[in-house]
N, C-alpha and C. Protein backbone atom coordinates (compact mmCIF):
# COMPACT_ATOMS: atom_id res chain seq x y z
N MET A 1 3.04 -15.23 20.93
CA MET A 1 3.60 -15.76 19.67
C MET A 1 2.73 -15.29 18.50
N ASP A 2 3.35 -14.87 17.44
CA ASP A 2 2.62 -14.50 16.25
C ASP A 2 1.83 -15.72 15.76
N TYR A 3 0.52 -15.54 15.51
CA TYR A 3 -0.33 -16.68 15.16
C TYR A 3 0.12 -17.39 13.90
N ARG A 4 0.81 -16.67 13.01
CA ARG A 4 1.23 -17.30 11.75
C ARG A 4 2.27 -18.38 11.98
N TYR A 5 2.89 -18.37 13.15
CA TYR A 5 3.93 -19.35 13.42
C TYR A 5 3.50 -20.29 14.55
N SER A 6 2.19 -20.52 14.66
CA SER A 6 1.66 -21.36 15.72
C SER A 6 1.64 -22.83 15.35
N PHE A 7 2.16 -23.19 14.18
CA PHE A 7 2.19 -24.60 13.80
C PHE A 7 3.22 -25.35 14.64
N LYS A 8 3.07 -26.67 14.69
CA LYS A 8 3.96 -27.51 15.47
C LYS A 8 5.14 -27.97 14.60
N THR A 9 6.31 -27.97 15.19
CA THR A 9 7.50 -28.44 14.46
C THR A 9 7.71 -29.93 14.68
N ASP A 10 8.34 -30.55 13.69
CA ASP A 10 8.65 -31.98 13.75
C ASP A 10 9.74 -32.25 12.71
N PRO A 11 10.93 -32.63 13.13
CA PRO A 11 12.03 -32.86 12.19
C PRO A 11 11.69 -33.86 11.10
N ALA A 12 10.76 -34.77 11.40
CA ALA A 12 10.40 -35.79 10.41
C ALA A 12 9.29 -35.34 9.47
N GLY A 13 8.68 -34.20 9.75
CA GLY A 13 7.58 -33.72 8.93
C GLY A 13 8.04 -32.91 7.73
N PRO A 14 7.13 -32.62 6.82
CA PRO A 14 7.48 -31.81 5.64
C PRO A 14 8.05 -30.46 6.06
N LYS A 15 9.25 -30.16 5.58
CA LYS A 15 9.95 -28.90 5.88
C LYS A 15 10.10 -28.68 7.39
N GLY A 16 10.19 -29.78 8.14
CA GLY A 16 10.39 -29.69 9.58
C GLY A 16 9.16 -29.28 10.37
N ILE A 17 7.98 -29.38 9.74
CA ILE A 17 6.72 -29.01 10.37
C ILE A 17 5.85 -30.26 10.51
N ARG A 18 5.20 -30.39 11.65
CA ARG A 18 4.34 -31.55 11.88
C ARG A 18 3.31 -31.68 10.77
N GLY A 19 3.15 -32.88 10.23
CA GLY A 19 2.26 -33.11 9.10
C GLY A 19 0.85 -32.61 9.31
N SER A 20 0.31 -32.77 10.51
CA SER A 20 -1.07 -32.38 10.78
C SER A 20 -1.27 -30.87 10.71
N SER A 21 -0.20 -30.10 10.87
CA SER A 21 -0.32 -28.64 10.83
C SER A 21 -0.70 -28.14 9.43
N TRP A 22 -0.31 -28.88 8.41
CA TRP A 22 -0.56 -28.43 7.04
C TRP A 22 -2.05 -28.39 6.71
N LEU A 23 -2.81 -29.29 7.34
CA LEU A 23 -4.26 -29.34 7.09
C LEU A 23 -5.03 -29.24 8.40
N ASP A 24 -4.56 -28.40 9.30
CA ASP A 24 -5.20 -28.21 10.60
C ASP A 24 -6.60 -27.62 10.38
N PRO A 25 -7.66 -28.36 10.71
CA PRO A 25 -9.02 -27.88 10.43
C PRO A 25 -9.38 -26.59 11.15
N ASP A 26 -8.70 -26.28 12.24
CA ASP A 26 -8.98 -25.04 12.97
C ASP A 26 -8.40 -23.82 12.25
N LYS A 27 -7.50 -24.04 11.30
CA LYS A 27 -6.83 -22.93 10.63
C LYS A 27 -6.86 -23.06 9.10
N LEU A 28 -7.74 -23.92 8.61
CA LEU A 28 -7.71 -24.31 7.20
C LEU A 28 -8.66 -23.48 6.34
N ALA A 29 -8.19 -23.12 5.16
CA ALA A 29 -9.02 -22.44 4.16
C ALA A 29 -8.72 -23.00 2.78
N LEU A 30 -9.76 -23.07 1.96
CA LEU A 30 -9.61 -23.46 0.56
C LEU A 30 -9.61 -22.19 -0.28
N LEU A 31 -8.54 -21.99 -1.06
CA LEU A 31 -8.43 -20.84 -1.97
C LEU A 31 -8.64 -21.33 -3.39
N ILE A 32 -9.72 -20.90 -4.01
CA ILE A 32 -10.01 -21.24 -5.39
C ILE A 32 -9.63 -20.04 -6.25
N ILE A 33 -8.55 -20.21 -6.99
CA ILE A 33 -7.95 -19.09 -7.70
C ILE A 33 -8.44 -19.01 -9.15
N ASP A 34 -9.18 -17.96 -9.45
CA ASP A 34 -9.48 -17.52 -10.82
C ASP A 34 -10.14 -18.57 -11.71
N ILE A 35 -11.05 -19.38 -11.17
CA ILE A 35 -11.80 -20.26 -12.06
C ILE A 35 -12.97 -19.46 -12.62
N GLN A 36 -12.63 -18.63 -13.59
CA GLN A 36 -13.55 -17.67 -14.20
C GLN A 36 -13.87 -18.11 -15.63
N ASN A 37 -14.91 -17.51 -16.19
CA ASN A 37 -15.36 -17.93 -17.51
C ASN A 37 -14.29 -17.79 -18.59
N TYR A 38 -13.43 -16.81 -18.47
CA TYR A 38 -12.41 -16.63 -19.51
C TYR A 38 -11.39 -17.77 -19.53
N LEU A 39 -11.34 -18.56 -18.44
CA LEU A 39 -10.47 -19.74 -18.41
C LEU A 39 -11.23 -21.03 -18.61
N THR A 40 -12.56 -21.01 -18.49
CA THR A 40 -13.32 -22.27 -18.53
C THR A 40 -14.31 -22.36 -19.69
N ASP A 41 -14.71 -21.24 -20.25
CA ASP A 41 -15.67 -21.24 -21.35
C ASP A 41 -14.91 -21.30 -22.68
N LYS A 42 -15.26 -22.25 -23.51
CA LYS A 42 -14.52 -22.47 -24.75
C LYS A 42 -14.58 -21.29 -25.70
N LYS A 43 -15.55 -20.42 -25.54
CA LYS A 43 -15.62 -19.29 -26.47
C LYS A 43 -14.49 -18.30 -26.24
N TYR A 44 -13.79 -18.41 -25.09
CA TYR A 44 -12.66 -17.54 -24.82
C TYR A 44 -11.33 -18.25 -25.10
N SER A 45 -11.38 -19.41 -25.70
CA SER A 45 -10.18 -20.23 -25.92
C SER A 45 -9.07 -19.41 -26.56
N GLY A 46 -7.87 -19.56 -25.98
CA GLY A 46 -6.74 -18.86 -26.60
C GLY A 46 -5.69 -18.40 -25.64
N GLN A 47 -5.46 -17.10 -25.61
CA GLN A 47 -4.29 -16.52 -24.98
C GLN A 47 -4.02 -16.98 -23.55
N TYR A 48 -5.08 -17.09 -22.74
CA TYR A 48 -4.86 -17.41 -21.33
C TYR A 48 -5.28 -18.83 -20.96
N SER A 49 -5.58 -19.66 -21.95
CA SER A 49 -6.02 -21.00 -21.58
C SER A 49 -5.39 -22.07 -22.45
N SER A 50 -6.09 -22.51 -23.49
CA SER A 50 -5.73 -23.76 -24.14
C SER A 50 -4.81 -23.64 -25.34
N SER A 51 -4.23 -22.49 -25.57
CA SER A 51 -3.48 -22.29 -26.80
C SER A 51 -2.28 -23.22 -26.95
N ASN A 52 -1.71 -23.69 -25.82
CA ASN A 52 -0.51 -24.53 -25.89
C ASN A 52 -0.74 -25.95 -25.40
N PHE A 53 -1.99 -26.33 -25.19
CA PHE A 53 -2.26 -27.61 -24.55
C PHE A 53 -3.58 -28.16 -25.08
N GLU A 54 -3.50 -29.12 -26.00
CA GLU A 54 -4.71 -29.61 -26.66
C GLU A 54 -5.65 -30.34 -25.71
N ASP A 55 -5.13 -30.83 -24.60
CA ASP A 55 -5.98 -31.52 -23.63
C ASP A 55 -6.48 -30.61 -22.53
N TYR A 56 -6.34 -29.30 -22.71
CA TYR A 56 -6.73 -28.35 -21.67
C TYR A 56 -8.18 -28.54 -21.25
N TYR A 57 -9.11 -28.48 -22.22
CA TYR A 57 -10.52 -28.57 -21.87
C TYR A 57 -10.95 -29.95 -21.39
N PRO A 58 -10.48 -31.05 -22.01
CA PRO A 58 -10.81 -32.36 -21.45
C PRO A 58 -10.35 -32.52 -20.00
N ARG A 59 -9.15 -32.05 -19.69
CA ARG A 59 -8.66 -32.16 -18.31
C ARG A 59 -9.46 -31.24 -17.38
N LEU A 60 -9.77 -30.05 -17.86
CA LEU A 60 -10.57 -29.12 -17.07
C LEU A 60 -11.93 -29.74 -16.74
N GLU A 61 -12.60 -30.30 -17.76
CA GLU A 61 -13.96 -30.80 -17.58
C GLU A 61 -14.00 -32.13 -16.82
N ASP A 62 -13.03 -33.00 -17.08
CA ASP A 62 -13.08 -34.35 -16.53
C ASP A 62 -12.36 -34.50 -15.19
N VAL A 63 -11.41 -33.60 -14.91
CA VAL A 63 -10.59 -33.75 -13.71
C VAL A 63 -10.72 -32.55 -12.78
N VAL A 64 -10.37 -31.38 -13.30
CA VAL A 64 -10.21 -30.21 -12.42
C VAL A 64 -11.54 -29.72 -11.84
N ILE A 65 -12.53 -29.43 -12.68
CA ILE A 65 -13.81 -28.94 -12.18
C ILE A 65 -14.47 -29.96 -11.24
N PRO A 66 -14.54 -31.25 -11.60
CA PRO A 66 -15.12 -32.22 -10.66
C PRO A 66 -14.40 -32.26 -9.32
N ASN A 67 -13.07 -32.16 -9.33
CA ASN A 67 -12.32 -32.20 -8.07
C ASN A 67 -12.54 -30.94 -7.24
N ILE A 68 -12.64 -29.80 -7.89
CA ILE A 68 -12.93 -28.57 -7.15
C ILE A 68 -14.32 -28.66 -6.53
N LYS A 69 -15.27 -29.21 -7.25
CA LYS A 69 -16.62 -29.38 -6.71
C LYS A 69 -16.61 -30.30 -5.50
N ARG A 70 -15.81 -31.36 -5.55
CA ARG A 70 -15.69 -32.26 -4.40
C ARG A 70 -15.08 -31.53 -3.20
N LEU A 71 -14.04 -30.74 -3.47
CA LEU A 71 -13.42 -29.97 -2.39
C LEU A 71 -14.43 -29.02 -1.74
N ILE A 72 -15.20 -28.33 -2.57
CA ILE A 72 -16.20 -27.40 -2.05
C ILE A 72 -17.20 -28.13 -1.16
N THR A 73 -17.64 -29.29 -1.61
CA THR A 73 -18.60 -30.07 -0.82
C THR A 73 -18.02 -30.44 0.54
N VAL A 74 -16.78 -30.90 0.55
CA VAL A 74 -16.14 -31.31 1.81
C VAL A 74 -15.93 -30.11 2.74
N PHE A 75 -15.43 -29.02 2.20
CA PHE A 75 -15.16 -27.85 3.03
C PHE A 75 -16.46 -27.28 3.61
N ARG A 76 -17.51 -27.25 2.81
CA ARG A 76 -18.78 -26.74 3.33
C ARG A 76 -19.37 -27.68 4.38
N LYS A 77 -19.24 -28.97 4.16
CA LYS A 77 -19.76 -29.94 5.12
C LYS A 77 -19.04 -29.82 6.46
N MET A 78 -17.73 -29.49 6.40
CA MET A 78 -16.94 -29.33 7.62
C MET A 78 -16.98 -27.90 8.17
N ASN A 79 -17.78 -27.05 7.51
CA ASN A 79 -17.91 -25.65 7.92
C ASN A 79 -16.56 -24.93 7.91
N LEU A 80 -15.76 -25.19 6.87
CA LEU A 80 -14.47 -24.56 6.70
C LEU A 80 -14.58 -23.44 5.67
N GLN A 81 -13.68 -22.48 5.78
CA GLN A 81 -13.76 -21.29 4.93
C GLN A 81 -13.29 -21.56 3.51
N ILE A 82 -14.06 -21.04 2.55
CA ILE A 82 -13.69 -21.09 1.13
C ILE A 82 -13.55 -19.64 0.65
N ILE A 83 -12.44 -19.37 -0.02
CA ILE A 83 -12.18 -18.03 -0.55
C ILE A 83 -11.91 -18.13 -2.05
N TYR A 84 -12.67 -17.39 -2.83
CA TYR A 84 -12.49 -17.33 -4.28
C TYR A 84 -11.76 -16.04 -4.64
N THR A 85 -10.96 -16.10 -5.69
CA THR A 85 -10.42 -14.87 -6.27
C THR A 85 -10.91 -14.73 -7.70
N ARG A 86 -11.06 -13.47 -8.11
CA ARG A 86 -11.38 -13.15 -9.49
C ARG A 86 -10.33 -12.19 -10.02
N ASN A 87 -9.76 -12.52 -11.15
CA ASN A 87 -8.83 -11.63 -11.84
C ASN A 87 -9.68 -10.58 -12.55
N SER A 88 -9.80 -9.39 -11.98
CA SER A 88 -10.80 -8.47 -12.49
C SER A 88 -10.52 -7.04 -12.07
N ALA A 89 -10.71 -6.12 -13.00
CA ALA A 89 -10.61 -4.69 -12.70
C ALA A 89 -11.99 -4.15 -12.37
N VAL A 90 -12.04 -3.13 -11.53
CA VAL A 90 -13.30 -2.46 -11.21
C VAL A 90 -13.43 -1.17 -12.01
N ASN A 91 -12.35 -0.44 -12.12
CA ASN A 91 -12.35 0.85 -12.81
C ASN A 91 -12.24 0.64 -14.32
N LYS A 92 -13.16 1.22 -15.08
CA LYS A 92 -13.18 1.05 -16.53
C LYS A 92 -11.94 1.60 -17.22
N PHE A 93 -11.26 2.55 -16.56
CA PHE A 93 -10.04 3.12 -17.11
C PHE A 93 -8.80 2.40 -16.59
N LEU A 94 -9.02 1.30 -15.86
CA LEU A 94 -7.94 0.45 -15.34
C LEU A 94 -7.05 1.17 -14.34
N LEU A 95 -7.60 2.20 -13.68
CA LEU A 95 -6.81 2.95 -12.71
C LEU A 95 -6.54 2.15 -11.44
N ASP A 96 -7.26 1.04 -11.26
CA ASP A 96 -7.03 0.19 -10.09
C ASP A 96 -6.11 -0.98 -10.40
N VAL A 97 -5.55 -0.99 -11.61
CA VAL A 97 -4.67 -2.08 -12.03
C VAL A 97 -3.23 -1.61 -12.04
N PRO A 98 -2.32 -2.30 -11.35
CA PRO A 98 -0.94 -1.83 -11.22
C PRO A 98 -0.05 -2.20 -12.40
N GLY A 99 0.95 -1.37 -12.63
CA GLY A 99 2.09 -1.66 -13.49
C GLY A 99 1.82 -2.38 -14.79
N LEU A 100 2.60 -3.44 -15.01
CA LEU A 100 2.50 -4.19 -16.27
C LEU A 100 1.16 -4.88 -16.42
N SER A 101 0.50 -5.18 -15.31
CA SER A 101 -0.82 -5.81 -15.40
C SER A 101 -1.80 -4.91 -16.14
N ARG A 102 -1.63 -3.59 -16.00
CA ARG A 102 -2.53 -2.67 -16.69
C ARG A 102 -2.39 -2.81 -18.20
N MET A 103 -1.18 -3.03 -18.67
CA MET A 103 -0.96 -3.23 -20.10
C MET A 103 -1.68 -4.49 -20.58
N ARG A 104 -1.60 -5.55 -19.75
CA ARG A 104 -2.25 -6.81 -20.13
C ARG A 104 -3.76 -6.66 -20.14
N TYR A 105 -4.30 -5.98 -19.14
CA TYR A 105 -5.75 -5.78 -19.08
C TYR A 105 -6.24 -4.92 -20.24
N ALA A 106 -5.38 -4.02 -20.72
CA ALA A 106 -5.80 -3.09 -21.77
C ALA A 106 -5.75 -3.71 -23.17
N GLN A 107 -5.21 -4.91 -23.27
CA GLN A 107 -5.12 -5.55 -24.58
C GLN A 107 -6.50 -5.79 -25.17
N GLU A 108 -6.56 -5.79 -26.48
CA GLU A 108 -7.82 -6.05 -27.17
C GLU A 108 -8.02 -7.57 -27.24
N LEU A 109 -8.54 -8.13 -26.17
CA LEU A 109 -8.79 -9.57 -26.13
C LEU A 109 -10.03 -9.89 -26.96
N ARG A 110 -9.99 -11.01 -27.67
CA ARG A 110 -11.11 -11.40 -28.51
C ARG A 110 -11.48 -12.84 -28.25
N ASP A 111 -12.78 -13.12 -28.25
CA ASP A 111 -13.23 -14.49 -28.09
C ASP A 111 -13.20 -15.18 -29.45
N THR A 112 -13.69 -16.41 -29.51
CA THR A 112 -13.60 -17.18 -30.75
C THR A 112 -14.46 -16.61 -31.87
N ARG A 113 -15.41 -15.74 -31.53
CA ARG A 113 -16.24 -15.08 -32.55
C ARG A 113 -15.67 -13.73 -32.97
N GLY A 114 -14.54 -13.37 -32.39
CA GLY A 114 -13.91 -12.11 -32.73
C GLY A 114 -14.41 -10.93 -31.93
N ASN A 115 -15.24 -11.19 -30.92
CA ASN A 115 -15.76 -10.11 -30.09
C ASN A 115 -14.76 -9.73 -29.01
N ASN A 116 -14.62 -8.43 -28.75
CA ASN A 116 -13.72 -7.96 -27.70
C ASN A 116 -14.28 -8.28 -26.32
N TYR A 117 -13.38 -8.56 -25.40
CA TYR A 117 -13.79 -8.67 -24.01
C TYR A 117 -12.66 -8.16 -23.13
N HIS A 118 -13.04 -7.68 -21.95
CA HIS A 118 -12.08 -7.19 -20.97
C HIS A 118 -12.43 -7.77 -19.62
N LEU A 119 -11.44 -7.95 -18.78
CA LEU A 119 -11.66 -8.53 -17.47
C LEU A 119 -12.12 -7.46 -16.48
N TYR A 120 -13.29 -6.90 -16.75
CA TYR A 120 -13.92 -5.98 -15.83
C TYR A 120 -14.82 -6.78 -14.88
N SER A 121 -15.10 -6.22 -13.72
CA SER A 121 -15.84 -6.94 -12.70
C SER A 121 -17.25 -7.34 -13.14
N ASP A 122 -17.86 -6.54 -14.05
CA ASP A 122 -19.21 -6.84 -14.48
C ASP A 122 -19.27 -7.57 -15.82
N ASP A 123 -18.12 -7.98 -16.35
CA ASP A 123 -18.09 -8.68 -17.63
C ASP A 123 -18.23 -10.18 -17.40
N PHE A 124 -18.99 -10.84 -18.26
CA PHE A 124 -19.21 -12.28 -18.13
C PHE A 124 -17.90 -13.04 -18.11
N SER A 125 -16.92 -12.57 -18.86
CA SER A 125 -15.63 -13.27 -18.94
C SER A 125 -14.95 -13.36 -17.58
N SER A 126 -15.19 -12.39 -16.71
CA SER A 126 -14.48 -12.36 -15.43
C SER A 126 -15.27 -13.02 -14.29
N ARG A 127 -16.50 -13.44 -14.56
CA ARG A 127 -17.31 -14.05 -13.51
C ARG A 127 -16.84 -15.47 -13.20
N ILE A 128 -17.07 -15.89 -11.98
CA ILE A 128 -16.72 -17.24 -11.57
C ILE A 128 -17.62 -18.24 -12.28
N ASP A 129 -17.04 -19.33 -12.73
CA ASP A 129 -17.78 -20.39 -13.41
C ASP A 129 -18.96 -20.83 -12.53
N GLU A 130 -20.16 -20.84 -13.10
CA GLU A 130 -21.37 -21.11 -12.31
C GLU A 130 -21.39 -22.52 -11.72
N ARG A 131 -20.59 -23.44 -12.26
CA ARG A 131 -20.56 -24.80 -11.73
C ARG A 131 -19.94 -24.86 -10.34
N ILE A 132 -19.14 -23.85 -10.00
CA ILE A 132 -18.53 -23.82 -8.67
C ILE A 132 -18.86 -22.49 -7.99
N PHE A 133 -20.04 -22.00 -8.22
CA PHE A 133 -20.40 -20.65 -7.78
C PHE A 133 -20.33 -20.53 -6.27
N PRO A 134 -19.87 -19.40 -5.75
CA PRO A 134 -19.73 -19.21 -4.31
C PRO A 134 -21.06 -19.30 -3.55
N GLY A 135 -20.98 -19.84 -2.33
CA GLY A 135 -22.13 -19.87 -1.45
C GLY A 135 -22.16 -18.64 -0.58
N GLU A 136 -23.19 -18.51 0.25
CA GLU A 136 -23.39 -17.28 1.02
C GLU A 136 -22.31 -17.06 2.09
N LYS A 137 -21.67 -18.14 2.55
CA LYS A 137 -20.62 -17.99 3.55
C LYS A 137 -19.22 -17.91 2.95
N ASP A 138 -19.14 -18.05 1.64
CA ASP A 138 -17.84 -17.97 0.97
C ASP A 138 -17.44 -16.51 0.78
N ILE A 139 -16.15 -16.31 0.63
CA ILE A 139 -15.62 -14.96 0.42
C ILE A 139 -15.09 -14.85 -1.01
N VAL A 140 -15.39 -13.76 -1.68
CA VAL A 140 -14.91 -13.52 -3.05
C VAL A 140 -14.07 -12.24 -3.03
N LEU A 141 -12.83 -12.35 -3.50
CA LEU A 141 -11.92 -11.21 -3.54
C LEU A 141 -11.51 -10.93 -4.98
N LEU A 142 -11.57 -9.67 -5.38
CA LEU A 142 -11.07 -9.26 -6.69
C LEU A 142 -9.60 -8.90 -6.58
N LYS A 143 -8.84 -9.29 -7.59
CA LYS A 143 -7.43 -8.95 -7.63
C LYS A 143 -7.07 -8.46 -9.02
N THR A 144 -6.00 -7.69 -9.12
CA THR A 144 -5.60 -7.11 -10.41
C THR A 144 -4.15 -7.43 -10.74
N SER A 145 -3.68 -8.53 -10.19
CA SER A 145 -2.32 -9.01 -10.50
C SER A 145 -2.33 -10.52 -10.36
N SER A 146 -1.23 -11.15 -10.72
CA SER A 146 -1.18 -12.61 -10.63
C SER A 146 -1.33 -13.10 -9.20
N GLY A 147 -0.63 -12.48 -8.28
CA GLY A 147 -0.65 -12.92 -6.90
C GLY A 147 -1.91 -12.50 -6.16
N ALA A 148 -2.47 -13.44 -5.37
CA ALA A 148 -3.68 -13.15 -4.62
C ALA A 148 -3.43 -12.24 -3.43
N PHE A 149 -2.17 -12.07 -3.03
CA PHE A 149 -1.84 -11.24 -1.88
C PHE A 149 -1.38 -9.85 -2.28
N CYS A 150 -0.91 -9.70 -3.49
CA CYS A 150 -0.32 -8.43 -3.93
C CYS A 150 -1.36 -7.33 -4.11
N SER A 151 -2.52 -7.66 -4.66
CA SER A 151 -3.47 -6.62 -5.04
C SER A 151 -4.89 -6.93 -4.56
N SER A 152 -5.00 -7.63 -3.45
CA SER A 152 -6.30 -7.85 -2.83
C SER A 152 -6.12 -7.83 -1.32
N SER A 153 -7.21 -7.96 -0.60
CA SER A 153 -7.17 -7.95 0.87
C SER A 153 -7.03 -9.36 1.44
N MET A 154 -6.47 -10.28 0.66
CA MET A 154 -6.37 -11.67 1.06
C MET A 154 -5.68 -11.83 2.42
N ASP A 155 -4.54 -11.21 2.59
CA ASP A 155 -3.79 -11.37 3.84
C ASP A 155 -4.61 -10.87 5.02
N LEU A 156 -5.26 -9.74 4.86
CA LEU A 156 -6.09 -9.16 5.92
C LEU A 156 -7.25 -10.09 6.27
N VAL A 157 -7.91 -10.63 5.25
CA VAL A 157 -9.03 -11.53 5.48
C VAL A 157 -8.59 -12.79 6.23
N LEU A 158 -7.46 -13.37 5.81
CA LEU A 158 -6.96 -14.57 6.48
C LEU A 158 -6.55 -14.28 7.91
N ARG A 159 -5.87 -13.16 8.14
CA ARG A 159 -5.47 -12.78 9.50
C ARG A 159 -6.70 -12.62 10.38
N ASN A 160 -7.71 -11.93 9.87
CA ASN A 160 -8.90 -11.66 10.67
C ASN A 160 -9.64 -12.92 11.07
N ASN A 161 -9.48 -13.97 10.26
CA ASN A 161 -10.17 -15.23 10.53
C ASN A 161 -9.24 -16.31 11.08
N ASN A 162 -8.00 -15.91 11.40
CA ASN A 162 -7.02 -16.82 12.00
C ASN A 162 -6.82 -18.09 11.15
N LEU A 163 -6.70 -17.89 9.86
CA LEU A 163 -6.51 -18.99 8.92
C LEU A 163 -5.07 -18.98 8.43
N THR A 164 -4.36 -20.07 8.66
CA THR A 164 -2.93 -20.10 8.34
C THR A 164 -2.51 -21.28 7.49
N SER A 165 -3.40 -22.27 7.32
CA SER A 165 -3.12 -23.43 6.48
C SER A 165 -3.99 -23.33 5.24
N LEU A 166 -3.36 -23.21 4.08
CA LEU A 166 -4.08 -22.90 2.86
C LEU A 166 -3.98 -24.04 1.85
N VAL A 167 -5.12 -24.39 1.27
CA VAL A 167 -5.18 -25.37 0.18
C VAL A 167 -5.52 -24.61 -1.09
N PHE A 168 -4.70 -24.79 -2.12
CA PHE A 168 -4.86 -24.05 -3.37
C PHE A 168 -5.42 -24.93 -4.48
N ALA A 169 -6.42 -24.39 -5.19
CA ALA A 169 -6.96 -25.01 -6.39
C ALA A 169 -7.24 -23.90 -7.39
N GLY A 170 -7.40 -24.27 -8.67
CA GLY A 170 -7.76 -23.26 -9.67
C GLY A 170 -6.76 -23.15 -10.79
N GLY A 171 -6.46 -21.92 -11.21
CA GLY A 171 -5.58 -21.75 -12.34
C GLY A 171 -5.04 -20.32 -12.44
N LEU A 172 -4.10 -20.13 -13.28
CA LEU A 172 -3.32 -21.18 -13.93
C LEU A 172 -2.17 -21.57 -13.01
N THR A 173 -1.79 -22.85 -13.06
CA THR A 173 -0.81 -23.37 -12.12
C THR A 173 0.50 -22.60 -12.16
N ASP A 174 0.95 -22.25 -13.35
CA ASP A 174 2.26 -21.61 -13.50
C ASP A 174 2.19 -20.09 -13.41
N ALA A 175 1.02 -19.55 -13.13
CA ALA A 175 0.88 -18.10 -13.07
C ALA A 175 0.29 -17.69 -11.73
N CYS A 176 -1.03 -17.56 -11.66
CA CYS A 176 -1.66 -17.03 -10.45
C CYS A 176 -1.55 -17.99 -9.26
N ILE A 177 -1.56 -19.29 -9.51
CA ILE A 177 -1.39 -20.25 -8.41
C ILE A 177 0.02 -20.14 -7.83
N SER A 178 1.02 -20.29 -8.68
CA SER A 178 2.40 -20.32 -8.19
C SER A 178 2.78 -18.98 -7.54
N THR A 179 2.35 -17.87 -8.13
CA THR A 179 2.66 -16.57 -7.55
C THR A 179 1.98 -16.41 -6.19
N SER A 180 0.74 -16.82 -6.09
CA SER A 180 0.01 -16.70 -4.83
C SER A 180 0.63 -17.58 -3.75
N VAL A 181 1.06 -18.77 -4.13
CA VAL A 181 1.69 -19.67 -3.16
C VAL A 181 2.98 -19.06 -2.63
N ARG A 182 3.78 -18.49 -3.50
CA ARG A 182 5.04 -17.86 -3.06
C ARG A 182 4.76 -16.69 -2.13
N GLU A 183 3.77 -15.87 -2.50
CA GLU A 183 3.42 -14.73 -1.65
C GLU A 183 2.94 -15.20 -0.28
N ALA A 184 2.13 -16.25 -0.27
CA ALA A 184 1.60 -16.78 0.99
C ALA A 184 2.71 -17.38 1.85
N SER A 185 3.57 -18.15 1.22
CA SER A 185 4.67 -18.79 1.95
C SER A 185 5.59 -17.75 2.58
N ASP A 186 5.87 -16.68 1.85
CA ASP A 186 6.73 -15.62 2.37
C ASP A 186 6.10 -14.91 3.56
N ARG A 187 4.78 -15.02 3.69
CA ARG A 187 4.08 -14.40 4.81
C ARG A 187 3.85 -15.37 5.97
N GLY A 188 4.36 -16.58 5.85
CA GLY A 188 4.29 -17.52 6.95
C GLY A 188 3.16 -18.53 6.89
N TYR A 189 2.41 -18.56 5.80
CA TYR A 189 1.32 -19.51 5.68
C TYR A 189 1.85 -20.88 5.24
N LEU A 190 1.15 -21.94 5.64
CA LEU A 190 1.46 -23.29 5.17
C LEU A 190 0.59 -23.55 3.94
N CYS A 191 1.21 -23.91 2.83
CA CYS A 191 0.52 -23.99 1.54
C CYS A 191 0.54 -25.40 0.97
N THR A 192 -0.61 -25.86 0.53
CA THR A 192 -0.74 -27.15 -0.14
C THR A 192 -1.39 -26.92 -1.49
N VAL A 193 -0.73 -27.32 -2.58
CA VAL A 193 -1.27 -27.19 -3.94
C VAL A 193 -1.78 -28.55 -4.39
N LEU A 194 -3.03 -28.61 -4.81
CA LEU A 194 -3.65 -29.87 -5.24
C LEU A 194 -3.48 -30.04 -6.74
N ASP A 195 -2.59 -30.93 -7.12
CA ASP A 195 -2.25 -31.15 -8.52
C ASP A 195 -3.47 -31.38 -9.40
N ASP A 196 -4.39 -32.22 -8.95
CA ASP A 196 -5.53 -32.60 -9.80
C ASP A 196 -6.72 -31.66 -9.62
N ALA A 197 -6.51 -30.52 -8.97
CA ALA A 197 -7.55 -29.50 -8.88
C ALA A 197 -7.04 -28.17 -9.44
N CYS A 198 -5.95 -28.24 -10.22
CA CYS A 198 -5.37 -27.05 -10.84
C CYS A 198 -5.24 -27.26 -12.34
N ILE A 199 -5.40 -26.18 -13.09
CA ILE A 199 -5.32 -26.24 -14.54
C ILE A 199 -4.21 -25.33 -15.05
N CYS A 200 -3.60 -25.72 -16.18
CA CYS A 200 -2.51 -24.95 -16.77
C CYS A 200 -2.55 -25.14 -18.28
N SER A 201 -2.04 -24.18 -19.02
CA SER A 201 -2.05 -24.28 -20.48
C SER A 201 -0.88 -25.09 -21.01
N ASN A 202 -0.01 -25.55 -20.13
CA ASN A 202 1.14 -26.33 -20.55
C ASN A 202 1.44 -27.35 -19.44
N MET A 203 1.35 -28.65 -19.74
CA MET A 203 1.50 -29.65 -18.69
C MET A 203 2.90 -29.69 -18.12
N GLU A 204 3.90 -29.37 -18.92
CA GLU A 204 5.27 -29.35 -18.41
C GLU A 204 5.40 -28.28 -17.32
N ASP A 205 4.82 -27.10 -17.59
CA ASP A 205 4.84 -26.04 -16.58
C ASP A 205 4.00 -26.42 -15.37
N HIS A 206 2.89 -27.09 -15.62
CA HIS A 206 2.02 -27.53 -14.52
C HIS A 206 2.79 -28.46 -13.58
N ARG A 207 3.45 -29.44 -14.16
CA ARG A 207 4.19 -30.42 -13.33
C ARG A 207 5.32 -29.74 -12.57
N ALA A 208 5.90 -28.70 -13.15
CA ALA A 208 7.01 -28.01 -12.48
C ALA A 208 6.51 -27.18 -11.30
N CYS A 209 5.25 -26.76 -11.34
CA CYS A 209 4.74 -25.85 -10.31
C CYS A 209 3.83 -26.50 -9.29
N ALA A 210 3.17 -27.61 -9.65
CA ALA A 210 2.17 -28.22 -8.75
C ALA A 210 2.85 -29.03 -7.66
């Protein structure tokens, strides 16, 4: 049997799958999507974060970051896998960035002081927020599109580690989270999105996707 379909069925469970399969510790991984400085540092406030949501930073600081830190503590204590993604290009000419994403990466992004920044792998804006910095056993994957499966080795990494039940946290709920969840679900993974561990620039969109 293909390992991706090794979960137990139960007509009374969510989507006809036994409830325990969704958080099976033998197959469980925490995916922390794009909690990078450009989404968490106020000096980058704007296009990809708080422009449409005045409570963005209070919710990020008081709810989302603390909950992600709690998740990290629990997963590490249980010796479960944590995988981070970074929305980041490696090639300075954006040759590793596909299609329309290349246009977005090429935009002249400016921080609150008017300084340009780009989501390159070595740029501070693209680094993971130090409050939830990866540990030595955690995996960090760079991606160049909204979906974590489209432009990274996420699927290969999960297959190699026999991980099929995924817990999603991070941001943005209506962009990289929702796209990654759809990609994962289409590949046979069981996906759980944690409402209070995800951030979005618009609460209406957040509620629709979480």
